[in-house]
Amino acid sequence: MHRFKDLEIWRLSRRFCSDIYETTASFPETEKFGITNQLRRASVSVPSNIAEGCSRKSNKDFSRFLEIAIGSMYEIETQLLISNDLNFIQKNDLNCLLQNLDSIIKMTSKFKSTLK
């Protein structure tokens, strides 16, 4: 078992979740139950799945939770791009978020490969 609070991928994804909440705070009120909710739920699921995976006794189980977290990250990427298409988010903010997200995806994928 791993201690999730010691993992850099957990700390970064938790911080990224806060960034998503800040970003979506300015989305239109009509999107409260739409893309705002989807982005927030997906961003919360990333550190949550990393933490839950840490509680598993086998690396295979932990690896599966990391796969789920990575899937949520790609979901977030898609939703951010759609948010930009709809002019809910500025290009500069989008690029910054995508750059941070890409770093977390790469770190998580690399960490996952060490569990085999």
PDB file of N, CA and C in Angstrom:
ATOM      1  N   MET A   1       0.829  -1.192   0.000  1.00  0.00           N
ATOM      2  CA  MET A   1       0.000   0.000   0.000  1.00  0.00           C
ATOM      3  C   MET A   1       0.871   1.252   0.000  1.00  0.00           C
ATOM      4  N   HIS A   2       0.332   2.284  -0.604  1.00  0.00           N
ATOM      5  CA  HIS A   2       1.014   3.573  -0.677  1.00  0.00           C
ATOM      6  C   HIS A   2       0.249   4.578   0.184  1.00  0.00           C
ATOM      7  N   ARG A   3       0.955   5.590   0.613  1.00  0.00           N
ATOM      8  CA  ARG A   3       0.305   6.692   1.334  1.00  0.00           C
ATOM      9  C   ARG A   3      -0.017   7.767   0.298  1.00  0.00           C
ATOM     10  N   PHE A   4      -1.304   7.948   0.022  1.00  0.00           N
ATOM     11  CA  PHE A   4      -1.693   8.846  -1.063  1.00  0.00           C
ATOM     12  C   PHE A   4      -1.242  10.274  -0.834  1.00  0.00           C
ATOM     13  N   LYS A   5      -1.199  10.718   0.412  1.00  0.00           N
ATOM     14  CA  LYS A   5      -0.794  12.101   0.686  1.00  0.00           C
ATOM     15  C   LYS A   5       0.678  12.343   0.364  1.00  0.00           C
ATOM     16  N   ASP A   6       1.445  11.269   0.233  1.00  0.00           N
ATOM     17  CA  ASP A   6       2.860  11.394  -0.117  1.00  0.00           C
ATOM     18  C   ASP A   6       3.095  11.431  -1.623  1.00  0.00           C
ATOM     19  N   LEU A   7       2.074  11.138  -2.408  1.00  0.00           N
ATOM     20  CA  LEU A   7       2.224  11.064  -3.861  1.00  0.00           C
ATOM     21  C   LEU A   7       2.077  12.439  -4.512  1.00  0.00           C
ATOM     22  N   GLU A   8       3.055  12.795  -5.301  1.00  0.00           N
ATOM     23  CA  GLU A   8       3.023  14.074  -6.018  1.00  0.00           C
ATOM     24  C   GLU A   8       1.832  14.136  -6.973  1.00  0.00           C
ATOM     25  N   ILE A   9       1.490  13.018  -7.603  1.00  0.00           N
ATOM     26  CA  ILE A   9       0.353  13.024  -8.531  1.00  0.00           C
ATOM     27  C   ILE A   9      -0.955  13.335  -7.803  1.00  0.00           C
ATOM     28  N   TRP A  10      -1.073  12.886  -6.566  1.00  0.00           N
ATOM     29  CA  TRP A  10      -2.275  13.193  -5.790  1.00  0.00           C
ATOM     30  C   TRP A  10      -2.302  14.680  -5.428  1.00  0.00           C
ATOM     31  N   ARG A  11      -1.154  15.207  -4.977  1.00  0.00           N
ATOM     32  CA  ARG A  11      -1.098  16.624  -4.592  1.00  0.00           C
ATOM     33  C   ARG A  11      -1.383  17.535  -5.787  1.00  0.00           C
ATOM     34  N   LEU A  12      -0.786  17.221  -6.936  1.00  0.00           N
ATOM     35  CA  LEU A  12      -1.000  18.044  -8.129  1.00  0.00           C
ATOM     36  C   LEU A  12      -2.442  17.956  -8.620  1.00  0.00           C
ATOM     37  N   SER A  13      -3.007  16.763  -8.592  1.00  0.00           N
ATOM     38  CA  SER A  13      -4.384  16.615  -9.071  1.00  0.00           C
ATOM     39  C   SER A  13      -5.375  17.291  -8.124  1.00  0.00           C
ATOM     40  N   ARG A  14      -5.052  17.308  -6.854  1.00  0.00           N
ATOM     41  CA  ARG A  14      -5.891  18.018  -5.877  1.00  0.00           C
ATOM     42  C   ARG A  14      -5.847  19.523  -6.134  1.00  0.00           C
ATOM     43  N   ARG A  15      -4.659  20.039  -6.387  1.00  0.00           N
ATOM     44  CA  ARG A  15      -4.506  21.459  -6.710  1.00  0.00           C
ATOM     45  C   ARG A  15      -5.230  21.795  -8.025  1.00  0.00           C
ATOM     46  N   PHE A  16      -5.104  20.887  -8.997  1.00  0.00           N
ATOM     47  CA  PHE A  16      -5.759  21.086 -10.288  1.00  0.00           C
ATOM     48  C   PHE A  16      -7.279  21.136 -10.116  1.00  0.00           C
ATOM     49  N   CYS A  17      -7.796  20.315  -9.229  1.00  0.00           N
ATOM     50  CA  CYS A  17      -9.232  20.309  -8.933  1.00  0.00           C
ATOM     51  C   CYS A  17      -9.677  21.702  -8.465  1.00  0.00           C
ATOM     52  N   SER A  18      -8.891  22.317  -7.607  1.00  0.00           N
ATOM     53  CA  SER A  18      -9.200  23.681  -7.152  1.00  0.00           C
ATOM     54  C   SER A  18      -9.192  24.657  -8.313  1.00  0.00           C
ATOM     55  N   ASP A  19      -8.245  24.482  -9.240  1.00  0.00           N
ATOM     56  CA  ASP A  19      -8.190  25.348 -10.427  1.00  0.00           C
ATOM     57  C   ASP A  19      -9.459  25.211 -11.267  1.00  0.00           C
ATOM     58  N   ILE A  20      -9.948  23.991 -11.387  1.00  0.00           N
ATOM     59  CA  ILE A  20     -11.177  23.759 -12.155  1.00  0.00           C
ATOM     60  C   ILE A  20     -12.366  24.446 -11.476  1.00  0.00           C
ATOM     61  N   TYR A  21     -12.440  24.342 -10.174  1.00  0.00           N
ATOM     62  CA  TYR A  21     -13.532  25.011  -9.447  1.00  0.00           C
ATOM     63  C   TYR A  21     -13.472  26.520  -9.646  1.00  0.00           C
ATOM     64  N   GLU A  22     -12.270  27.084  -9.572  1.00  0.00           N
ATOM     65  CA  GLU A  22     -12.116  28.531  -9.786  1.00  0.00           C
ATOM     66  C   GLU A  22     -12.510  28.920 -11.202  1.00  0.00           C
ATOM     67  N   THR A  23     -12.077  28.131 -12.167  1.00  0.00           N
ATOM     68  CA  THR A  23     -12.362  28.433 -13.568  1.00  0.00           C
ATOM     69  C   THR A  23     -13.857  28.357 -13.853  1.00  0.00           C
ATOM     70  N   THR A  24     -14.505  27.320 -13.350  1.00  0.00           N
ATOM     71  CA  THR A  24     -15.928  27.134 -13.658  1.00  0.00           C
ATOM     72  C   THR A  24     -16.835  28.083 -12.881  1.00  0.00           C
ATOM     73  N   ALA A  25     -16.294  28.760 -11.883  1.00  0.00           N
ATOM     74  CA  ALA A  25     -17.099  29.733 -11.127  1.00  0.00           C
ATOM     75  C   ALA A  25     -17.606  30.859 -12.033  1.00  0.00           C
ATOM     76  N   SER A  26     -16.886  31.123 -13.111  1.00  0.00           N
ATOM     77  CA  SER A  26     -17.295  32.197 -14.025  1.00  0.00           C
ATOM     78  C   SER A  26     -18.126  31.689 -15.211  1.00  0.00           C
ATOM     79  N   PHE A  27     -18.413  30.394 -15.261  1.00  0.00           N
ATOM     80  CA  PHE A  27     -19.234  29.850 -16.339  1.00  0.00           C
ATOM     81  C   PHE A  27     -20.670  30.357 -16.178  1.00  0.00           C
ATOM     82  N   PRO A  28     -21.434  30.375 -17.254  1.00  0.00           N
ATOM     83  CA  PRO A  28     -22.817  30.851 -17.169  1.00  0.00           C
ATOM     84  C   PRO A  28     -23.641  30.036 -16.161  1.00  0.00           C
ATOM     85  N   GLU A  29     -24.546  30.707 -15.489  1.00  0.00           N
ATOM     86  CA  GLU A  29     -25.424  30.049 -14.509  1.00  0.00           C
ATOM     87  C   GLU A  29     -26.234  28.926 -15.163  1.00  0.00           C
ATOM     88  N   THR A  30     -26.542  29.088 -16.445  1.00  0.00           N
ATOM     89  CA  THR A  30     -27.315  28.056 -17.157  1.00  0.00           C
ATOM     90  C   THR A  30     -26.539  26.747 -17.280  1.00  0.00           C
ATOM     91  N   GLU A  31     -25.231  26.790 -17.054  1.00  0.00           N
ATOM     92  CA  GLU A  31     -24.397  25.588 -17.140  1.00  0.00           C
ATOM     93  C   GLU A  31     -24.124  24.955 -15.779  1.00  0.00           C
ATOM     94  N   LYS A  32     -24.798  25.461 -14.752  1.00  0.00           N
ATOM     95  CA  LYS A  32     -24.579  24.950 -13.392  1.00  0.00           C
ATOM     96  C   LYS A  32     -24.740  23.435 -13.323  1.00  0.00           C
ATOM     97  N   PHE A  33     -25.739  22.896 -13.993  1.00  0.00           N
ATOM     98  CA  PHE A  33     -25.979  21.460 -13.985  1.00  0.00           C
ATOM     99  C   PHE A  33     -25.496  20.797 -15.267  1.00  0.00           C
ATOM    100  N   GLY A  34     -24.788  21.544 -16.073  1.00  0.00           N
ATOM    101  CA  GLY A  34     -24.247  21.024 -17.326  1.00  0.00           C
ATOM    102  C   GLY A  34     -22.748  20.837 -17.229  1.00  0.00           C
ATOM    103  N   ILE A  35     -22.033  21.558 -18.058  1.00  0.00           N
ATOM    104  CA  ILE A  35     -20.588  21.357 -18.169  1.00  0.00           C
ATOM    105  C   ILE A  35     -19.841  21.762 -16.889  1.00  0.00           C
ATOM    106  N   THR A  36     -20.370  22.722 -16.150  1.00  0.00           N
ATOM    107  CA  THR A  36     -19.746  23.095 -14.871  1.00  0.00           C
ATOM    108  C   THR A  36     -19.728  21.891 -13.940  1.00  0.00           C
ATOM    109  N   ASN A  37     -20.870  21.262 -13.792  1.00  0.00           N
ATOM    110  CA  ASN A  37     -20.988  20.094 -12.927  1.00  0.00           C
ATOM    111  C   ASN A  37     -20.116  18.945 -13.436  1.00  0.00           C
ATOM    112  N   GLN A  38     -20.113  18.723 -14.741  1.00  0.00           N
ATOM    113  CA  GLN A  38     -19.324  17.630 -15.323  1.00  0.00           C
ATOM    114  C   GLN A  38     -17.827  17.830 -15.066  1.00  0.00           C
ATOM    115  N   LEU A  39     -17.352  19.049 -15.285  1.00  0.00           N
ATOM    116  CA  LEU A  39     -15.928  19.340 -15.061  1.00  0.00           C
ATOM    117  C   LEU A  39     -15.553  19.172 -13.593  1.00  0.00           C
ATOM    118  N   ARG A  40     -16.393  19.648 -12.732  1.00  0.00           N
ATOM    119  CA  ARG A  40     -16.095  19.556 -11.297  1.00  0.00           C
ATOM    120  C   ARG A  40     -16.090  18.112 -10.826  1.00  0.00           C
ATOM    121  N   ARG A  41     -17.069  17.345 -11.252  1.00  0.00           N
ATOM    122  CA  ARG A  41     -17.132  15.933 -10.848  1.00  0.00           C
ATOM    123  C   ARG A  41     -15.923  15.154 -11.370  1.00  0.00           C
ATOM    124  N   ALA A  42     -15.567  15.385 -12.618  1.00  0.00           N
ATOM    125  CA  ALA A  42     -14.422  14.680 -13.198  1.00  0.00           C
ATOM    126  C   ALA A  42     -13.130  15.081 -12.494  1.00  0.00           C
ATOM    127  N   SER A  43     -12.997  16.365 -12.152  1.00  0.00           N
ATOM    128  CA  SER A  43     -11.763  16.809 -11.497  1.00  0.00           C
ATOM    129  C   SER A  43     -11.652  16.253 -10.078  1.00  0.00           C
ATOM    130  N   VAL A  44     -12.777  16.117  -9.383  1.00  0.00           N
ATOM    131  CA  VAL A  44     -12.770  15.537  -8.044  1.00  0.00           C
ATOM    132  C   VAL A  44     -12.433  14.044  -8.115  1.00  0.00           C
ATOM    133  N   SER A  45     -12.852  13.394  -9.174  1.00  0.00           N
ATOM    134  CA  SER A  45     -12.621  11.951  -9.279  1.00  0.00           C
ATOM    135  C   SER A  45     -11.150  11.595  -9.445  1.00  0.00           C
ATOM    136  N   VAL A  46     -10.344  12.511  -9.965  1.00  0.00           N
ATOM    137  CA  VAL A  46      -8.925  12.197 -10.189  1.00  0.00           C
ATOM    138  C   VAL A  46      -8.189  11.954  -8.867  1.00  0.00           C
ATOM    139  N   PRO A  47      -8.100  12.931  -7.962  1.00  0.00           N
ATOM    140  CA  PRO A  47      -7.401  12.648  -6.707  1.00  0.00           C
ATOM    141  C   PRO A  47      -8.127  11.593  -5.866  1.00  0.00           C
ATOM    142  N   SER A  48      -9.445  11.522  -6.016  1.00  0.00           N
ATOM    143  CA  SER A  48     -10.211  10.526  -5.258  1.00  0.00           C
ATOM    144  C   SER A  48      -9.847   9.108  -5.680  1.00  0.00           C
ATOM    145  N   ASN A  49      -9.722   8.885  -6.981  1.00  0.00           N
ATOM    146  CA  ASN A  49      -9.350   7.548  -7.460  1.00  0.00           C
ATOM    147  C   ASN A  49      -7.907   7.204  -7.117  1.00  0.00           C
ATOM    148  N   ILE A  50      -7.037   8.188  -7.129  1.00  0.00           N
ATOM    149  CA  ILE A  50      -5.649   7.944  -6.721  1.00  0.00           C
ATOM    150  C   ILE A  50      -5.627   7.532  -5.249  1.00  0.00           C
ATOM    151  N   ALA A  51      -6.360   8.246  -4.420  1.00  0.00           N
ATOM    152  CA  ALA A  51      -6.418   7.935  -2.989  1.00  0.00           C
ATOM    153  C   ALA A  51      -7.026   6.553  -2.757  1.00  0.00           C
ATOM    154  N   GLU A  52      -8.121   6.264  -3.439  1.00  0.00           N
ATOM    155  CA  GLU A  52      -8.760   4.963  -3.252  1.00  0.00           C
ATOM    156  C   GLU A  52      -7.848   3.832  -3.722  1.00  0.00           C
ATOM    157  N   GLY A  53      -7.163   4.051  -4.821  1.00  0.00           N
ATOM    158  CA  GLY A  53      -6.233   3.036  -5.323  1.00  0.00           C
ATOM    159  C   GLY A  53      -5.119   2.735  -4.340  1.00  0.00           C
ATOM    160  N   CYS A  54      -4.694   3.743  -3.613  1.00  0.00           N
ATOM    161  CA  CYS A  54      -3.636   3.554  -2.613  1.00  0.00           C
ATOM    162  C   CYS A  54      -4.052   2.580  -1.519  1.00  0.00           C
ATOM    163  N   SER A  55      -5.331   2.452  -1.281  1.00  0.00           N
ATOM    164  CA  SER A  55      -5.801   1.570  -0.216  1.00  0.00           C
ATOM    165  C   SER A  55      -5.802   0.098  -0.639  1.00  0.00           C
ATOM    166  N   ARG A  56      -5.604  -0.152  -1.919  1.00  0.00           N
ATOM    167  CA  ARG A  56      -5.644  -1.527  -2.425  1.00  0.00           C
ATOM    168  C   ARG A  56      -4.360  -2.255  -2.081  1.00  0.00           C
ATOM    169  N   LYS A  57      -4.490  -3.545  -1.868  1.00  0.00           N
ATOM    170  CA  LYS A  57      -3.356  -4.342  -1.422  1.00  0.00           C
ATOM    171  C   LYS A  57      -2.426  -4.770  -2.555  1.00  0.00           C
ATOM    172  N   SER A  58      -2.934  -4.783  -3.779  1.00  0.00           N
ATOM    173  CA  SER A  58      -2.078  -5.210  -4.896  1.00  0.00           C
ATOM    174  C   SER A  58      -1.816  -4.047  -5.851  1.00  0.00           C
ATOM    175  N   ASN A  59      -0.670  -4.104  -6.491  1.00  0.00           N
ATOM    176  CA  ASN A  59      -0.332  -3.093  -7.488  1.00  0.00           C
ATOM    177  C   ASN A  59      -1.284  -3.156  -8.677  1.00  0.00           C
ATOM    178  N   LYS A  60      -1.773  -4.354  -8.996  1.00  0.00           N
ATOM    179  CA  LYS A  60      -2.713  -4.500 -10.101  1.00  0.00           C
ATOM    180  C   LYS A  60      -3.997  -3.716  -9.816  1.00  0.00           C
ATOM    181  N   ASP A  61      -4.497  -3.815  -8.601  1.00  0.00           N
ATOM    182  CA  ASP A  61      -5.698  -3.063  -8.228  1.00  0.00           C
ATOM    183  C   ASP A  61      -5.429  -1.561  -8.240  1.00  0.00           C
ATOM    184  N   PHE A  62      -4.294  -1.166  -7.695  1.00  0.00           N
ATOM    185  CA  PHE A  62      -3.932   0.249  -7.673  1.00  0.00           C
ATOM    186  C   PHE A  62      -3.822   0.778  -9.093  1.00  0.00           C
ATOM    187  N   SER A  63      -3.217  -0.011  -9.967  1.00  0.00           N
ATOM    188  CA  SER A  63      -3.048   0.381 -11.362  1.00  0.00           C
ATOM    189  C   SER A  63      -4.397   0.632 -12.032  1.00  0.00           C
ATOM    190  N   ARG A  64      -5.386  -0.174 -11.706  1.00  0.00           N
ATOM    191  CA  ARG A  64      -6.724  -0.001 -12.282  1.00  0.00           C
ATOM    192  C   ARG A  64      -7.327   1.348 -11.866  1.00  0.00           C
ATOM    193  N   PHE A  65      -7.137   1.733 -10.625  1.00  0.00           N
ATOM    194  CA  PHE A  65      -7.652   3.032 -10.176  1.00  0.00           C
ATOM    195  C   PHE A  65      -6.911   4.186 -10.847  1.00  0.00           C
ATOM    196  N   LEU A  66      -5.636   3.993 -11.115  1.00  0.00           N
ATOM    197  CA  LEU A  66      -4.891   5.020 -11.850  1.00  0.00           C
ATOM    198  C   LEU A  66      -5.408   5.134 -13.279  1.00  0.00           C
ATOM    199  N   GLU A  67      -5.791   4.009 -13.883  1.00  0.00           N
ATOM    200  CA  GLU A  67      -6.389   4.039 -15.223  1.00  0.00           C
ATOM    201  C   GLU A  67      -7.680   4.849 -15.216  1.00  0.00           C
ATOM    202  N   ILE A  68      -8.477   4.645 -14.190  1.00  0.00           N
ATOM    203  CA  ILE A  68      -9.734   5.397 -14.064  1.00  0.00           C
ATOM    204  C   ILE A  68      -9.442   6.888 -13.916  1.00  0.00           C
ATOM    205  N   ALA A  69      -8.437   7.228 -13.112  1.00  0.00           N
ATOM    206  CA  ALA A  69      -8.052   8.636 -12.928  1.00  0.00           C
ATOM    207  C   ALA A  69      -7.593   9.244 -14.254  1.00  0.00           C
ATOM    208  N   ILE A  70      -6.809   8.493 -15.010  1.00  0.00           N
ATOM    209  CA  ILE A  70      -6.338   8.983 -16.315  1.00  0.00           C
ATOM    210  C   ILE A  70      -7.522   9.184 -17.258  1.00  0.00           C
ATOM    211  N   GLY A  71      -8.480   8.272 -17.226  1.00  0.00           N
ATOM    212  CA  GLY A  71      -9.691   8.429 -18.039  1.00  0.00           C
ATOM    213  C   GLY A  71     -10.431   9.706 -17.689  1.00  0.00           C
ATOM    214  N   SER A  72     -10.526  10.000 -16.412  1.00  0.00           N
ATOM    215  CA  SER A  72     -11.171  11.245 -15.977  1.00  0.00           C
ATOM    216  C   SER A  72     -10.398  12.460 -16.463  1.00  0.00           C
ATOM    217  N   MET A  73      -9.080  12.358 -16.510  1.00  0.00           N
ATOM    218  CA  MET A  73      -8.272  13.481 -16.991  1.00  0.00           C
ATOM    219  C   MET A  73      -8.538  13.754 -18.468  1.00  0.00           C
ATOM    220  N   TYR A  74      -8.693  12.682 -19.256  1.00  0.00           N
ATOM    221  CA  TYR A  74      -9.015  12.886 -20.673  1.00  0.00           C
ATOM    222  C   TYR A  74     -10.436  13.432 -20.837  1.00  0.00           C
ATOM    223  N   GLU A  75     -11.321  13.052 -19.947  1.00  0.00           N
ATOM    224  CA  GLU A  75     -12.673  13.613 -19.927  1.00  0.00           C
ATOM    225  C   GLU A  75     -12.595  15.121 -19.654  1.00  0.00           C
ATOM    226  N   ILE A  76     -11.788  15.509 -18.689  1.00  0.00           N
ATOM    227  CA  ILE A  76     -11.599  16.925 -18.360  1.00  0.00           C
ATOM    228  C   ILE A  76     -11.041  17.682 -19.560  1.00  0.00           C
ATOM    229  N   GLU A  77     -10.047  17.099 -20.222  1.00  0.00           N
ATOM    230  CA  GLU A  77      -9.461  17.756 -21.392  1.00  0.00           C
ATOM    231  C   GLU A  77     -10.524  18.029 -22.449  1.00  0.00           C
ATOM    232  N   THR A  78     -11.353  17.050 -22.727  1.00  0.00           N
ATOM    233  CA  THR A  78     -12.417  17.210 -23.717  1.00  0.00           C
ATOM    234  C   THR A  78     -13.394  18.300 -23.293  1.00  0.00           C
ATOM    235  N   GLN A  79     -13.774  18.294 -22.025  1.00  0.00           N
ATOM    236  CA  GLN A  79     -14.738  19.275 -21.533  1.00  0.00           C
ATOM    237  C   GLN A  79     -14.155  20.686 -21.526  1.00  0.00           C
ATOM    238  N   LEU A  80     -12.869  20.807 -21.265  1.00  0.00           N
ATOM    239  CA  LEU A  80     -12.228  22.125 -21.339  1.00  0.00           C
ATOM    240  C   LEU A  80     -12.212  22.642 -22.767  1.00  0.00           C
ATOM    241  N   LEU A  81     -11.932  21.770 -23.712  1.00  0.00           N
ATOM    242  CA  LEU A  81     -11.935  22.174 -25.125  1.00  0.00           C
ATOM    243  C   LEU A  81     -13.334  22.603 -25.561  1.00  0.00           C
ATOM    244  N   ILE A  82     -14.347  21.874 -25.125  1.00  0.00           N
ATOM    245  CA  ILE A  82     -15.729  22.253 -25.439  1.00  0.00           C
ATOM    246  C   ILE A  82     -16.068  23.592 -24.781  1.00  0.00           C
ATOM    247  N   SER A  83     -15.616  23.782 -23.558  1.00  0.00           N
ATOM    248  CA  SER A  83     -15.851  25.048 -22.858  1.00  0.00           C
ATOM    249  C   SER A  83     -15.245  26.214 -23.626  1.00  0.00           C
ATOM    250  N   ASN A  84     -14.082  25.991 -24.199  1.00  0.00           N
ATOM    251  CA  ASN A  84     -13.452  27.019 -25.021  1.00  0.00           C
ATOM    252  C   ASN A  84     -14.254  27.248 -26.301  1.00  0.00           C
ATOM    253  N   ASP A  85     -14.716  26.159 -26.921  1.00  0.00           N
ATOM    254  CA  ASP A  85     -15.547  26.281 -28.129  1.00  0.00           C
ATOM    255  C   ASP A  85     -16.785  27.134 -27.858  1.00  0.00           C
ATOM    256  N   LEU A  86     -17.319  27.025 -26.654  1.00  0.00           N
ATOM    257  CA  LEU A  86     -18.527  27.762 -26.280  1.00  0.00           C
ATOM    258  C   LEU A  86     -18.224  29.134 -25.676  1.00  0.00           C
ATOM    259  N   ASN A  87     -16.951  29.504 -25.688  1.00  0.00           N
ATOM    260  CA  ASN A  87     -16.487  30.789 -25.154  1.00  0.00           C
ATOM    261  C   ASN A  87     -16.734  30.950 -23.662  1.00  0.00           C
ATOM    262  N   PHE A  88     -16.703  29.849 -22.921  1.00  0.00           N
ATOM    263  CA  PHE A  88     -16.823  29.899 -21.463  1.00  0.00           C
ATOM    264  C   PHE A  88     -15.459  30.090 -20.814  1.00  0.00           C
ATOM    265  N   ILE A  89     -14.413  29.833 -21.573  1.00  0.00           N
ATOM    266  CA  ILE A  89     -13.055  29.919 -21.045  1.00  0.00           C
ATOM    267  C   ILE A  89     -12.154  30.536 -22.115  1.00  0.00           C
ATOM    268  N   GLN A  90     -11.285  31.421 -21.678  1.00  0.00           N
ATOM    269  CA  GLN A  90     -10.376  32.101 -22.600  1.00  0.00           C
ATOM    270  C   GLN A  90      -9.238  31.172 -23.018  1.00  0.00           C
ATOM    271  N   LYS A  91      -8.693  31.415 -24.191  1.00  0.00           N
ATOM    272  CA  LYS A  91      -7.638  30.571 -24.758  1.00  0.00           C
ATOM    273  C   LYS A  91      -6.418  30.489 -23.839  1.00  0.00           C
ATOM    274  N   ASN A  92      -6.012  31.606 -23.243  1.00  0.00           N
ATOM    275  CA  ASN A  92      -4.843  31.596 -22.351  1.00  0.00           C
ATOM    276  C   ASN A  92      -5.088  30.718 -21.127  1.00  0.00           C
ATOM    277  N   ASP A  93      -6.276  30.845 -20.541  1.00  0.00           N
ATOM    278  CA  ASP A  93      -6.630  30.013 -19.386  1.00  0.00           C
ATOM    279  C   ASP A  93      -6.704  28.544 -19.786  1.00  0.00           C
ATOM    280  N   LEU A  94      -7.277  28.294 -20.952  1.00  0.00           N
ATOM    281  CA  LEU A  94      -7.366  26.922 -21.455  1.00  0.00           C
ATOM    282  C   LEU A  94      -5.983  26.315 -21.599  1.00  0.00           C
ATOM    283  N   ASN A  95      -5.085  27.051 -22.233  1.00  0.00           N
ATOM    284  CA  ASN A  95      -3.727  26.532 -22.463  1.00  0.00           C
ATOM    285  C   ASN A  95      -3.006  26.229 -21.160  1.00  0.00           C
ATOM    286  N   CYS A  96      -3.165  27.084 -20.182  1.00  0.00           N
ATOM    287  CA  CYS A  96      -2.532  26.876 -18.881  1.00  0.00           C
ATOM    288  C   CYS A  96      -3.080  25.611 -18.212  1.00  0.00           C
ATOM    289  N   LEU A  97      -4.408  25.474 -18.205  1.00  0.00           N
ATOM    290  CA  LEU A  97      -5.027  24.289 -17.608  1.00  0.00           C
ATOM    291  C   LEU A  97      -4.617  23.017 -18.340  1.00  0.00           C
ATOM    292  N   LEU A  98      -4.605  23.073 -19.673  1.00  0.00           N
ATOM    293  CA  LEU A  98      -4.235  21.887 -20.449  1.00  0.00           C
ATOM    294  C   LEU A  98      -2.776  21.500 -20.232  1.00  0.00           C
ATOM    295  N   GLN A  99      -1.919  22.485 -20.083  1.00  0.00           N
ATOM    296  CA  GLN A  99      -0.508  22.206 -19.821  1.00  0.00           C
ATOM    297  C   GLN A  99      -0.337  21.515 -18.464  1.00  0.00           C
ATOM    298  N   ASN A 100      -1.024  22.021 -17.457  1.00  0.00           N
ATOM    299  CA  ASN A 100      -0.960  21.396 -16.131  1.00  0.00           C
ATOM    300  C   ASN A 100      -1.547  19.987 -16.163  1.00  0.00           C
ATOM    301  N   LEU A 101      -2.658  19.842 -16.847  1.00  0.00           N
ATOM    302  CA  LEU A 101      -3.304  18.539 -16.952  1.00  0.00           C
ATOM    303  C   LEU A 101      -2.401  17.539 -17.671  1.00  0.00           C
ATOM    304  N   ASP A 102      -1.767  17.972 -18.732  1.00  0.00           N
ATOM    305  CA  ASP A 102      -0.865  17.095 -19.483  1.00  0.00           C
ATOM    306  C   ASP A 102       0.284  16.607 -18.606  1.00  0.00           C
ATOM    307  N   SER A 103       0.796  17.487 -17.765  1.00  0.00           N
ATOM    308  CA  SER A 103       1.871  17.090 -16.841  1.00  0.00           C
ATOM    309  C   SER A 103       1.392  16.026 -15.866  1.00  0.00           C
ATOM    310  N   ILE A 104       0.186  16.198 -15.352  1.00  0.00           N
ATOM    311  CA  ILE A 104      -0.359  15.228 -14.402  1.00  0.00           C
ATOM    312  C   ILE A 104      -0.611  13.888 -15.092  1.00  0.00           C
ATOM    313  N   ILE A 105      -1.118  13.921 -16.320  1.00  0.00           N
ATOM    314  CA  ILE A 105      -1.348  12.689 -17.078  1.00  0.00           C
ATOM    315  C   ILE A 105      -0.029  11.942 -17.277  1.00  0.00           C
ATOM    316  N   LYS A 106       0.999  12.659 -17.689  1.00  0.00           N
ATOM    317  CA  LYS A 106       2.299  12.023 -17.928  1.00  0.00           C
ATOM    318  C   LYS A 106       2.881  11.439 -16.651  1.00  0.00           C
ATOM    319  N   MET A 107       2.798  12.190 -15.568  1.00  0.00           N
ATOM    320  CA  MET A 107       3.329  11.705 -14.289  1.00  0.00           C
ATOM    321  C   MET A 107       2.569  10.468 -13.812  1.00  0.00           C
ATOM    322  N   THR A 108       1.256  10.498 -13.967  1.00  0.00           N
ATOM    323  CA  THR A 108       0.428   9.370 -13.530  1.00  0.00           C
ATOM    324  C   THR A 108       0.711   8.136 -14.382  1.00  0.00           C
ATOM    325  N   SER A 109       0.828   8.333 -15.688  1.00  0.00           N
ATOM    326  CA  SER A 109       1.130   7.212 -16.585  1.00  0.00           C
ATOM    327  C   SER A 109       2.491   6.605 -16.264  1.00  0.00           C
ATOM    328  N   LYS A 110       3.452   7.459 -16.013  1.00  0.00           N
ATOM    329  CA  LYS A 110       4.797   6.967 -15.679  1.00  0.00           C
ATOM    330  C   LYS A 110       4.781   6.214 -14.350  1.00  0.00           C
ATOM    331  N   PHE A 111       4.096   6.771 -13.360  1.00  0.00           N
ATOM    332  CA  PHE A 111       3.988   6.102 -12.063  1.00  0.00           C
ATOM    333  C   PHE A 111       3.284   4.749 -12.216  1.00  0.00           C
ATOM    334  N   LYS A 112       2.218   4.725 -13.009  1.00  0.00           N
ATOM    335  CA  LYS A 112       1.471   3.485 -13.235  1.00  0.00           C
ATOM    336  C   LYS A 112       2.372   2.409 -13.834  1.00  0.00           C
ATOM    337  N   SER A 113       3.262   2.808 -14.725  1.00  0.00           N
ATOM    338  CA  SER A 113       4.147   1.824 -15.373  1.00  0.00           C
ATOM    339  C   SER A 113       5.132   1.207 -14.388  1.00  0.00           C
ATOM    340  N   THR A 114       5.379   1.862 -13.263  1.00  0.00           N
ATOM    341  CA  THR A 114       6.286   1.293 -12.255  1.00  0.00           C
ATOM    342  C   THR A 114       5.605   0.258 -11.370  1.00  0.00           C
ATOM    343  N   LEU A 115       4.284   0.166 -11.452  1.00  0.00           N
ATOM    344  CA  LEU A 115       3.541  -0.743 -10.585  1.00  0.00           C
ATOM    345  C   LEU A 115       3.463  -2.165 -11.132  1.00  0.00           C
ATOM    346  N   LYS A 116       3.874  -2.369 -12.352  1.00  0.00           N
ATOM    347  CA  LYS A 116       3.719  -3.696 -12.972  1.00  0.00           C
ATOM    348  C   LYS A 116       4.701  -4.702 -12.486  1.00  0.00           C
TER     349      LYS A 116
END
